[in-house]
C-alpha atoms as a PDB file:
ATOM      1  CA  LEU A   1       6.948  18.166 -15.215  1.00  0.00           C
ATOM      2  CA  HIS A   2       9.693  17.281 -13.247  1.00  0.00           C
ATOM      3  CA  ALA A   3       8.144  19.395 -10.389  1.00  0.00           C
ATOM      4  CA  LEU A   4       4.778  18.066 -10.612  1.00  0.00           C
ATOM      5  CA  GLU A   5       6.178  14.386 -10.459  1.00  0.00           C
ATOM      6  CA  ASN A   6       8.117  15.693  -7.297  1.00  0.00           C
ATOM      7  CA  LEU A   7       4.636  17.061  -6.228  1.00  0.00           C
ATOM      8  CA  ILE A   8       2.793  13.978  -6.597  1.00  0.00           C
ATOM      9  CA  ARG A   9       5.303  11.732  -5.020  1.00  0.00           C
ATOM     10  CA  GLU A  10       5.432  14.134  -1.806  1.00  0.00           C
ATOM     11  CA  LEU A  11       1.768  14.130  -1.463  1.00  0.00           C
ATOM     12  CA  GLU A  12       1.850  10.140  -1.687  1.00  0.00           C
ATOM     13  CA  GLU A  13       4.773  10.018   1.069  1.00  0.00           C
ATOM     14  CA  LYS A  14       3.183  12.373   3.521  1.00  0.00           C
ATOM     15  CA  GLU A  15      -0.314  10.794   3.220  1.00  0.00           C
ATOM     16  CA  GLY A  16       1.198   6.973   3.016  1.00  0.00           C
ATOM     17  CA  PHE A  17      -0.391   6.099  -0.604  1.00  0.00           C
ATOM     18  CA  VAL A  18       1.213   3.595  -2.366  1.00  0.00           C
ATOM     19  CA  HIS A  19       2.479   4.944  -5.442  1.00  0.00           C
ATOM     20  CA  LYS A  20       0.353   3.217  -8.892  1.00  0.00           C
ATOM     21  CA  ASN A  21       2.471   3.136 -11.625  1.00  0.00           C
ATOM     22  CA  MET A  22       0.356   4.280 -14.763  1.00  0.00           C
ATOM     23  CA  LYS A  23       2.621   3.510 -17.421  1.00  0.00           C
ATOM     24  CA  GLU A  24       2.032   5.458 -20.764  1.00  0.00           C
ATOM     25  CA  GLU A  25       2.891   4.189 -24.058  1.00  0.00           C
ATOM     26  CA  GLY A  26       2.962   7.308 -25.652  1.00  0.00           C
ATOM     27  CA  TYR A  27       4.367  10.532 -25.562  1.00  0.00           C
ATOM     28  CA  ARG A  28       2.156  12.850 -26.680  1.00  0.00           C
ATOM     29  CA  ILE A  29       1.140  15.726 -24.550  1.00  0.00           C
ATOM     30  CA  GLU A  30      -2.394  14.333 -24.182  1.00  0.00           C
ATOM     31  CA  ASP A  31      -1.010  10.993 -22.933  1.00  0.00           C
ATOM     32  CA  ILE A  32       1.412  13.025 -20.290  1.00  0.00           C
ATOM     33  CA  GLN A  33      -1.879  15.393 -19.286  1.00  0.00           C
ATOM     34  CA  ASN A  34      -4.003  11.898 -18.611  1.00  0.00           C
ATOM     35  CA  TYR A  35      -1.113  10.571 -16.717  1.00  0.00           C
ATOM     36  CA  TYR A  36      -1.161  13.251 -14.221  1.00  0.00           C
ATOM     37  CA  VAL A  37      -5.038  14.014 -14.222  1.00  0.00           C
ATOM     38  CA  ARG A  38      -5.110  10.362 -13.041  1.00  0.00           C
ATOM     39  CA  CYS A  39      -2.397  10.800 -10.666  1.00  0.00           C
ATOM     40  CA  ILE A  40      -4.082  13.588  -8.978  1.00  0.00           C
ATOM     41  CA  SER A  41      -7.251  12.292  -9.023  1.00  0.00           C
ATOM     42  CA  HIS A  42      -6.102   8.827  -7.335  1.00  0.00           C
ATOM     43  CA  ILE A  43      -4.807  11.138  -4.657  1.00  0.00           C
ATOM     44  CA  TYR A  44      -8.135  13.295  -4.276  1.00  0.00           C
ATOM     45  CA  PHE A  45     -10.018   9.897  -4.423  1.00  0.00           C
ATOM     46  CA  GLU A  46      -7.826   8.167  -1.416  1.00  0.00           C
ATOM     47  CA  LEU A  47      -8.402  11.618   0.684  1.00  0.00           C
ATOM     48  CA  GLN A  48     -11.927  11.739  -0.033  1.00  0.00           C
ATOM     49  CA  GLN A  49     -12.598   8.193   1.271  1.00  0.00           C
ATOM     50  CA  ARG A  50     -10.580   8.773   4.363  1.00  0.00           C
ATOM     51  CA  LYS A  51     -12.623  11.824   5.292  1.00  0.00           C
ATOM     52  CA  ASN A  52     -15.848  10.113   4.620  1.00  0.00           C
ATOM     53  CA  LYS A  53     -14.834   7.462   6.888  1.00  0.00           C
ATOM     54  CA  LYS A  54     -14.450   9.597   9.910  1.00  0.00           C
ATOM     55  CA  TYR A  55     -11.808   7.629  11.620  1.00  0.00           C
ATOM     56  CA  SER A  56     -10.452   9.345  15.252  1.00  0.00           C
ATOM     57  CA  ARG A  57      -7.459  11.222  14.571  1.00  0.00           C
ATOM     58  CA  LEU A  58      -5.444   8.709  16.334  1.00  0.00           C
ATOM     59  CA  ILE A  59      -6.315   5.774  14.130  1.00  0.00           C
ATOM     60  CA  GLN A  60      -6.015   8.084  10.784  1.00  0.00           C
ATOM     61  CA  GLU A  61      -2.137   8.198  12.032  1.00  0.00           C
ATOM     62  CA  VAL A  62      -1.930   4.530  13.269  1.00  0.00           C
ATOM     63  CA  MET A  63      -3.110   3.656   9.096  1.00  0.00           C
ATOM     64  CA  ARG A  64      -0.877   6.115   8.039  1.00  0.00           C
ATOM     65  CA  TYR A  65       2.391   4.868   9.918  1.00  0.00           C
ATOM     66  CA  ILE A  66       0.932   1.459   8.738  1.00  0.00           C
ATOM     67  CA  ARG A  67       0.923   2.574   4.951  1.00  0.00           C
ATOM     68  CA  LYS A  68       4.351   4.225   5.502  1.00  0.00           C
ATOM     69  CA  ASN A  69       6.400   1.208   7.071  1.00  0.00           C
ATOM     70  CA  TYR A  70       4.333  -1.817   5.799  1.00  0.00           C
ATOM     71  CA  ASN A  71       7.551  -3.191   4.838  1.00  0.00           C
ATOM     72  CA  GLN A  72       9.390  -3.308   8.213  1.00  0.00           C
ATOM     73  CA  GLU A  73       8.556  -5.667  11.211  1.00  0.00           C
ATOM     74  CA  LEU A  74       5.177  -4.083  12.940  1.00  0.00           C
ATOM     75  CA  SER A  75       3.383  -5.282  15.771  1.00  0.00           C
ATOM     76  CA  LEU A  76       0.683  -4.083  18.247  1.00  0.00           C
ATOM     77  CA  GLU A  77       3.571  -3.763  20.801  1.00  0.00           C
ATOM     78  CA  ILE A  78       5.638  -1.801  17.996  1.00  0.00           C
ATOM     79  CA  LEU A  79       2.806   0.245  17.361  1.00  0.00           C
ATOM     80  CA  GLY A  80       2.084   1.064  21.123  1.00  0.00           C
ATOM     81  CA  GLU A  81       5.413   1.969  21.856  1.00  0.00           C
ATOM     82  CA  GLU A  82       5.228   4.371  18.654  1.00  0.00           C
ATOM     83  CA  PHE A  83       2.081   5.883  19.999  1.00  0.00           C
ATOM     84  CA  GLN A  84       2.785   5.683  23.654  1.00  0.00           C
ATOM     85  CA  MET A  85      -0.223   3.515  24.266  1.00  0.00           C
ATOM     86  CA  ASN A  86      -0.741  -0.037  25.197  1.00  0.00           C
ATOM     87  CA  GLY A  87      -0.569  -2.286  22.022  1.00  0.00           C
ATOM     88  CA  VAL A  88      -3.341  -4.462  22.731  1.00  0.00           C
ATOM     89  CA  TYR A  89      -5.432  -1.613  23.499  1.00  0.00           C
ATOM     90  CA  LEU A  90      -4.547   0.243  20.547  1.00  0.00           C
ATOM     91  CA  GLY A  91      -5.290  -3.152  18.584  1.00  0.00           C
ATOM     92  CA  GLN A  92      -8.848  -3.029  19.944  1.00  0.00           C
ATOM     93  CA  MET A  93      -9.492   0.631  19.044  1.00  0.00           C
ATOM     94  CA  PHE A  94      -8.075   0.001  15.431  1.00  0.00           C
ATOM     95  CA  LYS A  95     -10.432  -2.901  15.011  1.00  0.00           C
ATOM     96  CA  LYS A  96     -13.363  -1.239  16.316  1.00  0.00           C
ATOM     97  CA  GLU A  97     -13.021   1.974  13.918  1.00  0.00           C
ATOM     98  CA  VAL A  98     -11.737   0.258  11.032  1.00  0.00           C
ATOM     99  CA  GLY A  99     -13.345  -2.977  11.051  1.00  0.00           C
ATOM    100  CA  VAL A 100     -10.553  -5.317  10.630  1.00  0.00           C
ATOM    101  CA  THR A 101      -7.743  -6.185  12.666  1.00  0.00           C
ATOM    102  CA  PHE A 102      -4.385  -4.547  12.569  1.00  0.00           C
ATOM    103  CA  LEU A 103      -2.548  -7.679  11.450  1.00  0.00           C
ATOM    104  CA  LYS A 104      -5.169  -7.914   8.509  1.00  0.00           C
ATOM    105  CA  TYR A 105      -4.725  -4.146   7.576  1.00  0.00           C
ATOM    106  CA  LEU A 106      -1.098  -4.582   7.220  1.00  0.00           C
ATOM    107  CA  THR A 107      -1.514  -7.654   5.053  1.00  0.00           C
ATOM    108  CA  ASN A 108      -3.790  -5.913   2.753  1.00  0.00           C
ATOM    109  CA  SER A 109      -1.396  -3.049   2.315  1.00  0.00           C
ATOM    110  CA  ARG A 110       1.833  -5.727   1.913  1.00  0.00           C
ATOM    111  CA  VAL A 111      -0.330  -7.572  -0.526  1.00  0.00           C
ATOM    112  CA  GLU A 112      -1.800  -4.335  -2.534  1.00  0.00           C
ATOM    113  CA  GLU A 113       2.190  -2.902  -2.861  1.00  0.00           C
ATOM    114  CA  ALA A 114       3.137  -6.669  -3.903  1.00  0.00           C
ATOM    115  CA  LYS A 115       0.521  -6.807  -6.582  1.00  0.00           C
ATOM    116  CA  ARG A 116       1.836  -3.492  -8.316  1.00  0.00           C
ATOM    117  CA  LEU A 117       5.410  -4.506  -7.960  1.00  0.00           C
ATOM    118  CA  LEU A 118       4.346  -7.484  -9.881  1.00  0.00           C
ATOM    119  CA  GLU A 119       2.377  -5.709 -12.576  1.00  0.00           C
ATOM    120  CA  GLU A 120       5.528  -3.914 -13.002  1.00  0.00           C
ATOM    121  CA  GLY A 121       7.269  -6.824 -13.778  1.00  0.00           C
ATOM    122  CA  ASP A 122      10.966  -5.821 -13.012  1.00  0.00           C
ATOM    123  CA  LEU A 123      11.581  -7.911  -9.630  1.00  0.00           C
ATOM    124  CA  ASN A 124      11.271 -11.764  -9.122  1.00  0.00           C
ATOM    125  CA  ILE A 125       9.174 -13.181  -6.424  1.00  0.00           C
ATOM    126  CA  SER A 126      11.696 -13.398  -3.527  1.00  0.00           C
ATOM    127  CA  GLU A 127      12.661  -9.708  -4.172  1.00  0.00           C
ATOM    128  CA  VAL A 128       9.033  -8.795  -3.940  1.00  0.00           C
ATOM    129  CA  ALA A 129       8.559 -10.671  -0.855  1.00  0.00           C
ATOM    130  CA  GLU A 130      11.470  -8.668   0.609  1.00  0.00           C
ATOM    131  CA  LYS A 131      10.509  -5.414  -0.514  1.00  0.00           C
ATOM    132  CA  VAL A 132       6.965  -5.687   0.994  1.00  0.00           C
ATOM    133  CA  GLY A 133       8.170  -6.572   4.540  1.00  0.00           C
ATOM    134  CA  TYR A 134       8.442 -10.753   4.323  1.00  0.00           C
ATOM    135  CA  LYS A 135      11.240 -12.424   5.021  1.00  0.00           C
ATOM    136  CA  THR A 136      10.833 -15.705   2.713  1.00  0.00           C
ATOM    137  CA  GLY A 137       9.105 -15.968  -0.462  1.00  0.00           C
ATOM    138  CA  GLN A 138       7.717 -19.189   0.673  1.00  0.00           C
ATOM    139  CA  TYR A 139       5.834 -17.585   3.198  1.00  0.00           C
ATOM    140  CA  PHE A 140       4.901 -14.412   1.282  1.00  0.00           C
ATOM    141  CA  SER A 141       3.432 -16.860  -1.303  1.00  0.00           C
ATOM    142  CA  GLN A 142       1.271 -18.109   1.180  1.00  0.00           C
ATOM    143  CA  ILE A 143      -0.145 -15.058   2.499  1.00  0.00           C
ATOM    144  CA  PHE A 144      -0.926 -13.859  -1.191  1.00  0.00           C
ATOM    145  CA  ILE A 145      -2.561 -17.095  -2.077  1.00  0.00           C
ATOM    146  CA  LYS A 146      -4.676 -16.791   0.887  1.00  0.00           C
ATOM    147  CA  THR A 147      -5.605 -13.352   0.198  1.00  0.00           C
ATOM    148  CA  THR A 148      -6.153 -13.013  -3.544  1.00  0.00           C
ATOM    149  CA  GLY A 149      -6.597 -16.772  -4.435  1.00  0.00           C
ATOM    150  CA  VAL A 150      -3.974 -17.075  -7.128  1.00  0.00           C
ATOM    151  CA  ARG A 151       0.079 -17.747  -6.708  1.00  0.00           C
ATOM    152  CA  PRO A 152       2.023 -14.814  -7.132  1.00  0.00           C
ATOM    153  CA  GLN A 153       3.777 -16.372 -10.202  1.00  0.00           C
ATOM    154  CA  GLU A 154       0.172 -16.516 -11.625  1.00  0.00           C
ATOM    155  CA  TYR A 155      -0.365 -12.937 -11.129  1.00  0.00           C
ATOM    156  CA  LYS A 156       2.527 -11.727 -12.372  1.00  0.00           C
ATOM    157  CA  ARG A 157       2.418 -13.859 -15.694  1.00  0.00           C
ATOM    158  CA  TRP A 158      -1.383 -12.630 -16.077  1.00  0.00           C
ATOM    159  CA  ASN A 159       0.094  -9.078 -15.940  1.00  0.00           C
ATOM    160  CA  GLU A 160       2.364  -9.787 -18.418  1.00  0.00           C
ATOM    161  CA  ALA A 161       0.445 -11.051 -21.219  1.00  0.00           C
ATOM    162  CA  LYS A 162      -2.368  -8.017 -20.511  1.00  0.00           C
END
């Protein structure tokens, strides 16, 4: 099982996937089997989604870079330097192919990871904000509300009640 878990983590890291924590209540062999089937199915689904969207290789690499580095300071200028091209032009290419701006994609990536962390329930709001790349909990809360329609505290409480 340890080897399978490591393989899943390596695939997720290589492809820039956010790990979905799929907690299991039981320790029966069926529960463990279902957990790993869901993990691998999630990876397969994500890869198929990317394949079907037909993004250029450059934009796929940019998306992968954003998903792997969402918790750091990112800008079009930084991406331009990373990919050795004009950041503004890269932003225009990104918007044209993906359908959303670089900033919207980054924000969505951060909020999705924040939701996952809030669902786990181990961190407070400020810690989640920091882990997903926001300097203050207040700004993170504003972005979270704007993106999801609920406050992070409410989202966390709602998931704890499940």
